[in-house]
Amino acid sequence: MFTPEQIQNMLATAVVLGVLGIIILMAIEIQKWHKKRTIVHGMQLFVRMIGGMLMLILLAHLFGGIMYAQFGDLPTAQFVLYWIKCVLLALALCLVAVVDVLLIMRHRQKHRKRLQNLAIDLLTENHGLAADSKQ
């Protein structure tokens, strides 16, 4: 089986890879937005960048917790506060995800309304043309 040090190293490696992945995904999202190759609007991009930053902060805290803030290394009160802070960061990240979903739903609703209005305009125009051709 694995020793505690090996497990600690594997977890730390996973966290570092997660950080690199998040940075790459954030850069791709910004690049696509600047090139207008995405349907994401400005506010949604902002919310996603906030989410990415929170995720980076959370991963940094997890890395610190794995490497340095283990039970026995810190006084009990500091240990508990450290991990409570990690839980609060995770909850904040969940809240940002909910805001992102709400923005997607609002954006979708606006597009649906715009398409409905366009369809009504086209049907009205076609109906008027058909009536004119009969006369």
N, C-alpha and C. Protein backbone atom coordinates (compact mmCIF):
# COMPACT_ATOMS: atom_id res chain seq x y z
N MET A 1 0.83 -1.18 0.00
CA MET A 1 0.00 0.00 0.00
C MET A 1 0.88 1.25 0.00
N PHE A 2 0.24 2.39 -0.06
CA PHE A 2 0.96 3.65 -0.09
C PHE A 2 1.25 4.15 1.33
N THR A 3 2.39 4.79 1.47
CA THR A 3 2.73 5.41 2.75
C THR A 3 2.02 6.76 2.83
N PRO A 4 1.86 7.32 4.02
CA PRO A 4 1.24 8.64 4.14
C PRO A 4 1.97 9.71 3.32
N GLU A 5 3.28 9.63 3.25
CA GLU A 5 4.04 10.61 2.46
C GLU A 5 3.75 10.48 0.98
N GLN A 6 3.60 9.24 0.49
CA GLN A 6 3.28 9.04 -0.92
C GLN A 6 1.88 9.57 -1.23
N ILE A 7 0.95 9.33 -0.34
CA ILE A 7 -0.42 9.84 -0.53
C ILE A 7 -0.40 11.36 -0.53
N GLN A 8 0.34 11.94 0.39
CA GLN A 8 0.46 13.39 0.48
C GLN A 8 1.04 13.94 -0.82
N ASN A 9 2.06 13.30 -1.36
CA ASN A 9 2.68 13.77 -2.60
C ASN A 9 1.72 13.63 -3.79
N MET A 10 0.96 12.55 -3.83
CA MET A 10 0.00 12.36 -4.92
C MET A 10 -1.10 13.43 -4.86
N LEU A 11 -1.59 13.71 -3.66
CA LEU A 11 -2.61 14.75 -3.51
C LEU A 11 -2.06 16.12 -3.90
N ALA A 12 -0.85 16.41 -3.47
CA ALA A 12 -0.24 17.69 -3.81
C ALA A 12 -0.04 17.81 -5.32
N THR A 13 0.36 16.73 -5.96
CA THR A 13 0.52 16.74 -7.42
C THR A 13 -0.81 16.96 -8.11
N ALA A 14 -1.86 16.32 -7.63
CA ALA A 14 -3.19 16.50 -8.21
C ALA A 14 -3.65 17.95 -8.08
N VAL A 15 -3.38 18.56 -6.94
CA VAL A 15 -3.77 19.95 -6.73
C VAL A 15 -3.00 20.86 -7.69
N VAL A 16 -1.70 20.64 -7.84
CA VAL A 16 -0.89 21.46 -8.75
C VAL A 16 -1.39 21.29 -10.18
N LEU A 17 -1.70 20.09 -10.60
CA LEU A 17 -2.24 19.86 -11.95
C LEU A 17 -3.59 20.55 -12.11
N GLY A 18 -4.39 20.53 -11.06
CA GLY A 18 -5.68 21.23 -11.08
C GLY A 18 -5.50 22.72 -11.28
N VAL A 19 -4.52 23.29 -10.60
CA VAL A 19 -4.24 24.73 -10.74
C VAL A 19 -3.84 25.03 -12.18
N LEU A 20 -2.95 24.24 -12.74
CA LEU A 20 -2.52 24.45 -14.12
C LEU A 20 -3.70 24.33 -15.09
N GLY A 21 -4.55 23.34 -14.87
CA GLY A 21 -5.72 23.17 -15.72
C GLY A 21 -6.67 24.35 -15.65
N ILE A 22 -6.89 24.86 -14.47
CA ILE A 22 -7.79 26.01 -14.30
C ILE A 22 -7.22 27.24 -14.99
N ILE A 23 -5.93 27.48 -14.84
CA ILE A 23 -5.29 28.63 -15.49
C ILE A 23 -5.41 28.51 -17.01
N ILE A 24 -5.17 27.32 -17.54
CA ILE A 24 -5.29 27.12 -18.99
C ILE A 24 -6.73 27.35 -19.45
N LEU A 25 -7.71 26.80 -18.74
CA LEU A 25 -9.11 26.99 -19.12
C LEU A 25 -9.53 28.45 -19.04
N MET A 26 -9.06 29.17 -18.02
CA MET A 26 -9.39 30.59 -17.92
C MET A 26 -8.79 31.37 -19.09
N ALA A 27 -7.56 31.04 -19.45
CA ALA A 27 -6.91 31.73 -20.58
C ALA A 27 -7.65 31.45 -21.88
N ILE A 28 -8.07 30.20 -22.09
CA ILE A 28 -8.82 29.86 -23.30
C ILE A 28 -10.14 30.60 -23.34
N GLU A 29 -10.83 30.67 -22.21
CA GLU A 29 -12.12 31.37 -22.14
C GLU A 29 -11.95 32.85 -22.49
N ILE A 30 -10.92 33.49 -21.95
CA ILE A 30 -10.67 34.90 -22.24
C ILE A 30 -10.31 35.09 -23.70
N GLN A 31 -9.47 34.21 -24.24
CA GLN A 31 -9.06 34.31 -25.63
C GLN A 31 -10.26 34.16 -26.56
N LYS A 32 -11.12 33.19 -26.32
CA LYS A 32 -12.31 33.01 -27.15
C LYS A 32 -13.23 34.22 -27.07
N TRP A 33 -13.34 34.79 -25.88
CA TRP A 33 -14.22 35.95 -25.70
C TRP A 33 -13.67 37.15 -26.47
N HIS A 34 -12.36 37.37 -26.41
CA HIS A 34 -11.75 38.48 -27.13
C HIS A 34 -11.89 38.32 -28.64
N LYS A 35 -11.84 37.09 -29.13
CA LYS A 35 -11.96 36.84 -30.56
C LYS A 35 -13.42 36.70 -31.00
N LYS A 36 -14.34 36.88 -30.05
CA LYS A 36 -15.78 36.78 -30.32
C LYS A 36 -16.17 35.40 -30.87
N ARG A 37 -15.51 34.36 -30.36
CA ARG A 37 -15.80 32.99 -30.77
C ARG A 37 -16.59 32.23 -29.70
N THR A 38 -17.34 32.94 -28.93
CA THR A 38 -18.12 32.32 -27.87
C THR A 38 -19.44 33.05 -27.71
N ILE A 39 -20.42 32.39 -27.14
CA ILE A 39 -21.70 33.05 -26.89
C ILE A 39 -21.76 33.63 -25.49
N VAL A 40 -20.65 33.52 -24.75
CA VAL A 40 -20.59 34.05 -23.39
C VAL A 40 -20.55 35.57 -23.47
N HIS A 41 -21.39 36.23 -22.71
CA HIS A 41 -21.38 37.69 -22.68
C HIS A 41 -20.50 38.18 -21.52
N GLY A 42 -20.26 39.48 -21.46
CA GLY A 42 -19.30 40.06 -20.53
C GLY A 42 -19.52 39.73 -19.07
N MET A 43 -20.75 39.83 -18.60
CA MET A 43 -21.03 39.57 -17.19
C MET A 43 -20.79 38.10 -16.85
N GLN A 44 -21.16 37.23 -17.78
CA GLN A 44 -20.95 35.80 -17.55
C GLN A 44 -19.46 35.48 -17.52
N LEU A 45 -18.69 36.12 -18.39
CA LEU A 45 -17.24 35.92 -18.37
C LEU A 45 -16.66 36.39 -17.04
N PHE A 46 -17.13 37.53 -16.55
CA PHE A 46 -16.67 38.06 -15.27
C PHE A 46 -16.97 37.07 -14.14
N VAL A 47 -18.18 36.54 -14.12
CA VAL A 47 -18.56 35.58 -13.08
C VAL A 47 -17.70 34.32 -13.17
N ARG A 48 -17.42 33.88 -14.39
CA ARG A 48 -16.58 32.69 -14.55
C ARG A 48 -15.15 32.96 -14.11
N MET A 49 -14.64 34.15 -14.35
CA MET A 49 -13.29 34.47 -13.89
C MET A 49 -13.23 34.55 -12.37
N ILE A 50 -14.28 35.09 -11.76
CA ILE A 50 -14.37 35.09 -10.29
C ILE A 50 -14.37 33.65 -9.78
N GLY A 51 -15.15 32.79 -10.43
CA GLY A 51 -15.18 31.38 -10.05
C GLY A 51 -13.82 30.72 -10.21
N GLY A 52 -13.13 31.04 -11.29
CA GLY A 52 -11.79 30.49 -11.50
C GLY A 52 -10.81 30.94 -10.44
N MET A 53 -10.89 32.22 -10.08
CA MET A 53 -10.00 32.74 -9.03
C MET A 53 -10.31 32.09 -7.69
N LEU A 54 -11.59 31.95 -7.37
CA LEU A 54 -11.95 31.27 -6.12
C LEU A 54 -11.45 29.83 -6.11
N MET A 55 -11.56 29.18 -7.27
CA MET A 55 -11.09 27.81 -7.35
C MET A 55 -9.57 27.73 -7.16
N LEU A 56 -8.86 28.69 -7.73
CA LEU A 56 -7.41 28.73 -7.55
C LEU A 56 -7.05 28.95 -6.08
N ILE A 57 -7.76 29.87 -5.43
CA ILE A 57 -7.50 30.13 -4.01
C ILE A 57 -7.80 28.89 -3.18
N LEU A 58 -8.92 28.23 -3.48
CA LEU A 58 -9.28 27.02 -2.76
C LEU A 58 -8.23 25.93 -2.95
N LEU A 59 -7.77 25.74 -4.18
CA LEU A 59 -6.74 24.73 -4.43
C LEU A 59 -5.44 25.08 -3.72
N ALA A 60 -5.10 26.37 -3.68
CA ALA A 60 -3.89 26.77 -2.95
C ALA A 60 -4.03 26.45 -1.47
N HIS A 61 -5.22 26.68 -0.92
CA HIS A 61 -5.46 26.35 0.48
C HIS A 61 -5.42 24.83 0.71
N LEU A 62 -5.98 24.10 -0.23
CA LEU A 62 -5.93 22.64 -0.09
C LEU A 62 -4.48 22.14 -0.15
N PHE A 63 -3.70 22.72 -1.05
CA PHE A 63 -2.28 22.35 -1.14
C PHE A 63 -1.58 22.65 0.19
N GLY A 64 -1.83 23.86 0.71
CA GLY A 64 -1.24 24.22 2.00
C GLY A 64 -1.70 23.31 3.12
N GLY A 65 -2.99 22.93 3.07
CA GLY A 65 -3.51 22.03 4.09
C GLY A 65 -2.90 20.64 4.00
N ILE A 66 -2.72 20.17 2.78
CA ILE A 66 -2.12 18.85 2.59
C ILE A 66 -0.67 18.84 3.04
N MET A 67 0.04 19.90 2.72
CA MET A 67 1.48 19.94 2.99
C MET A 67 1.81 20.41 4.41
N TYR A 68 1.04 21.39 4.93
CA TYR A 68 1.49 22.05 6.16
C TYR A 68 0.46 22.10 7.28
N ALA A 69 -0.83 22.05 6.96
CA ALA A 69 -1.85 22.25 8.00
C ALA A 69 -2.52 20.94 8.37
N GLN A 70 -1.74 19.98 8.80
CA GLN A 70 -2.29 18.71 9.22
C GLN A 70 -2.53 18.72 10.72
N PHE A 71 -3.43 17.85 11.13
CA PHE A 71 -3.76 17.80 12.55
C PHE A 71 -2.50 17.44 13.33
N GLY A 72 -2.20 18.22 14.31
CA GLY A 72 -0.99 18.02 15.12
C GLY A 72 0.12 18.99 14.74
N ASP A 73 0.12 19.45 13.47
CA ASP A 73 1.11 20.44 13.06
C ASP A 73 0.74 21.84 13.54
N LEU A 74 -0.55 22.08 13.66
CA LEU A 74 -1.07 23.38 14.11
C LEU A 74 -1.85 23.18 15.39
N PRO A 75 -1.98 24.25 16.18
CA PRO A 75 -2.89 24.16 17.33
C PRO A 75 -4.30 23.85 16.82
N THR A 76 -5.07 23.19 17.64
CA THR A 76 -6.39 22.71 17.22
C THR A 76 -7.27 23.84 16.69
N ALA A 77 -7.29 24.98 17.35
CA ALA A 77 -8.14 26.09 16.91
C ALA A 77 -7.71 26.57 15.52
N GLN A 78 -6.43 26.72 15.28
CA GLN A 78 -5.95 27.14 13.96
C GLN A 78 -6.26 26.10 12.90
N PHE A 79 -6.10 24.85 13.25
CA PHE A 79 -6.40 23.76 12.31
C PHE A 79 -7.87 23.81 11.89
N VAL A 80 -8.76 23.93 12.86
CA VAL A 80 -10.19 23.98 12.58
C VAL A 80 -10.54 25.21 11.76
N LEU A 81 -10.01 26.37 12.12
CA LEU A 81 -10.29 27.59 11.36
C LEU A 81 -9.77 27.50 9.93
N TYR A 82 -8.62 26.90 9.75
CA TYR A 82 -8.05 26.75 8.41
C TYR A 82 -8.99 25.95 7.52
N TRP A 83 -9.48 24.82 8.02
CA TRP A 83 -10.34 23.98 7.20
C TRP A 83 -11.75 24.55 7.08
N ILE A 84 -12.20 25.32 8.06
CA ILE A 84 -13.49 26.02 7.92
C ILE A 84 -13.39 27.04 6.79
N LYS A 85 -12.24 27.72 6.71
CA LYS A 85 -12.03 28.67 5.62
C LYS A 85 -12.09 27.96 4.27
N CYS A 86 -11.55 26.77 4.16
CA CYS A 86 -11.61 25.99 2.92
C CYS A 86 -13.06 25.63 2.57
N VAL A 87 -13.83 25.25 3.58
CA VAL A 87 -15.24 24.91 3.34
C VAL A 87 -16.00 26.16 2.88
N LEU A 88 -15.74 27.31 3.49
CA LEU A 88 -16.40 28.55 3.08
C LEU A 88 -16.03 28.94 1.65
N LEU A 89 -14.77 28.74 1.28
CA LEU A 89 -14.36 28.99 -0.10
C LEU A 89 -15.11 28.07 -1.07
N ALA A 90 -15.27 26.82 -0.69
CA ALA A 90 -16.01 25.87 -1.53
C ALA A 90 -17.48 26.28 -1.66
N LEU A 91 -18.07 26.75 -0.57
CA LEU A 91 -19.46 27.21 -0.63
C LEU A 91 -19.59 28.46 -1.49
N ALA A 92 -18.62 29.36 -1.40
CA ALA A 92 -18.63 30.55 -2.26
C ALA A 92 -18.51 30.16 -3.72
N LEU A 93 -17.72 29.15 -3.99
CA LEU A 93 -17.57 28.66 -5.35
C LEU A 93 -18.90 28.07 -5.86
N CYS A 94 -19.61 27.39 -5.01
CA CYS A 94 -20.94 26.87 -5.38
C CYS A 94 -21.90 28.01 -5.68
N LEU A 95 -21.85 29.06 -4.90
CA LEU A 95 -22.71 30.22 -5.12
C LEU A 95 -22.39 30.88 -6.47
N VAL A 96 -21.12 31.00 -6.80
CA VAL A 96 -20.73 31.56 -8.09
C VAL A 96 -21.26 30.69 -9.23
N ALA A 97 -21.22 29.38 -9.05
CA ALA A 97 -21.74 28.47 -10.08
C ALA A 97 -23.25 28.68 -10.26
N VAL A 98 -23.97 28.88 -9.18
CA VAL A 98 -25.41 29.14 -9.28
C VAL A 98 -25.67 30.45 -10.02
N VAL A 99 -24.90 31.48 -9.72
CA VAL A 99 -25.04 32.76 -10.43
C VAL A 99 -24.77 32.57 -11.92
N ASP A 100 -23.76 31.78 -12.26
CA ASP A 100 -23.45 31.51 -13.66
C ASP A 100 -24.63 30.83 -14.35
N VAL A 101 -25.22 29.85 -13.71
CA VAL A 101 -26.38 29.17 -14.29
C VAL A 101 -27.55 30.14 -14.47
N LEU A 102 -27.78 31.00 -13.49
CA LEU A 102 -28.86 31.99 -13.61
C LEU A 102 -28.62 32.94 -14.77
N LEU A 103 -27.36 33.35 -14.97
CA LEU A 103 -27.03 34.21 -16.11
C LEU A 103 -27.27 33.49 -17.43
N ILE A 104 -26.92 32.21 -17.49
CA ILE A 104 -27.16 31.43 -18.70
C ILE A 104 -28.66 31.36 -18.99
N MET A 105 -29.45 31.11 -17.96
CA MET A 105 -30.90 31.01 -18.14
C MET A 105 -31.49 32.35 -18.60
N ARG A 106 -31.02 33.44 -18.01
CA ARG A 106 -31.51 34.76 -18.40
C ARG A 106 -31.14 35.08 -19.85
N HIS A 107 -29.91 34.77 -20.22
CA HIS A 107 -29.43 35.01 -21.58
C HIS A 107 -30.24 34.17 -22.58
N ARG A 108 -30.51 32.93 -22.22
CA ARG A 108 -31.29 32.03 -23.08
C ARG A 108 -32.71 32.56 -23.25
N GLN A 109 -33.29 33.06 -22.17
CA GLN A 109 -34.64 33.59 -22.22
C GLN A 109 -34.70 34.82 -23.14
N LYS A 110 -33.70 35.68 -23.08
CA LYS A 110 -33.66 36.85 -23.96
C LYS A 110 -33.58 36.43 -25.42
N HIS A 111 -32.74 35.44 -25.72
CA HIS A 111 -32.62 34.96 -27.09
C HIS A 111 -33.92 34.31 -27.57
N ARG A 112 -34.56 33.55 -26.71
CA ARG A 112 -35.83 32.92 -27.07
C ARG A 112 -36.88 33.99 -27.38
N LYS A 113 -36.94 35.02 -26.57
CA LYS A 113 -37.91 36.10 -26.79
C LYS A 113 -37.62 36.81 -28.11
N ARG A 114 -36.33 37.05 -28.38
CA ARG A 114 -35.94 37.71 -29.62
C ARG A 114 -36.32 36.85 -30.83
N LEU A 115 -36.12 35.53 -30.75
CA LEU A 115 -36.49 34.64 -31.84
C LEU A 115 -38.01 34.57 -32.02
N GLN A 116 -38.75 34.61 -30.93
CA GLN A 116 -40.21 34.60 -31.03
C GLN A 116 -40.70 35.88 -31.72
N ASN A 117 -40.11 37.02 -31.34
CA ASN A 117 -40.50 38.27 -31.99
C ASN A 117 -40.16 38.28 -33.47
N LEU A 118 -39.00 37.71 -33.81
CA LEU A 118 -38.60 37.62 -35.21
C LEU A 118 -39.57 36.73 -35.99
N ALA A 119 -39.94 35.60 -35.39
CA ALA A 119 -40.88 34.70 -36.05
C ALA A 119 -42.24 35.38 -36.25
N ILE A 120 -42.70 36.11 -35.28
CA ILE A 120 -43.98 36.84 -35.40
C ILE A 120 -43.88 37.87 -36.50
N ASP A 121 -42.77 38.60 -36.55
CA ASP A 121 -42.58 39.61 -37.60
C ASP A 121 -42.57 38.97 -38.98
N LEU A 122 -41.87 37.85 -39.12
CA LEU A 122 -41.81 37.16 -40.41
C LEU A 122 -43.17 36.63 -40.82
N LEU A 123 -43.90 36.04 -39.88
CA LEU A 123 -45.23 35.53 -40.20
C LEU A 123 -46.18 36.65 -40.57
N THR A 124 -46.10 37.76 -39.87
CA THR A 124 -46.95 38.91 -40.18
C THR A 124 -46.62 39.46 -41.55
N GLU A 125 -45.32 39.55 -41.85
CA GLU A 125 -44.89 40.06 -43.15
C GLU A 125 -45.32 39.13 -44.27
N ASN A 126 -45.15 37.82 -44.09
CA ASN A 126 -45.56 36.85 -45.10
C ASN A 126 -47.07 36.86 -45.30
N HIS A 127 -47.79 37.00 -44.21
CA HIS A 127 -49.26 37.04 -44.30
C HIS A 127 -49.69 38.27 -45.08
N GLY A 128 -49.02 39.40 -44.84
CA GLY A 128 -49.34 40.63 -45.58
C GLY A 128 -49.02 40.50 -47.05
N LEU A 129 -47.91 39.85 -47.39
CA LEU A 129 -47.54 39.64 -48.78
C LEU A 129 -48.53 38.71 -49.48
N ALA A 130 -48.96 37.68 -48.77
CA ALA A 130 -49.93 36.74 -49.35
C ALA A 130 -51.26 37.44 -49.61
N ALA A 131 -51.69 38.32 -48.73
CA ALA A 131 -52.93 39.04 -48.90
C ALA A 131 -52.82 40.00 -50.08
N ASP A 132 -51.66 40.65 -50.25
CA ASP A 132 -51.45 41.58 -51.35
C ASP A 132 -51.44 40.85 -52.69
N SER A 133 -50.90 39.64 -52.74
CA SER A 133 -50.81 38.90 -54.02
C SER A 133 -52.17 38.40 -54.45
N LYS A 134 -53.12 38.20 -53.53
CA LYS A 134 -54.46 37.73 -53.87
C LYS A 134 -55.27 38.86 -54.50
N GLN A 135 -54.92 40.09 -54.21
CA GLN A 135 -55.72 41.21 -54.72
C GLN A 135 -55.32 41.62 -56.07
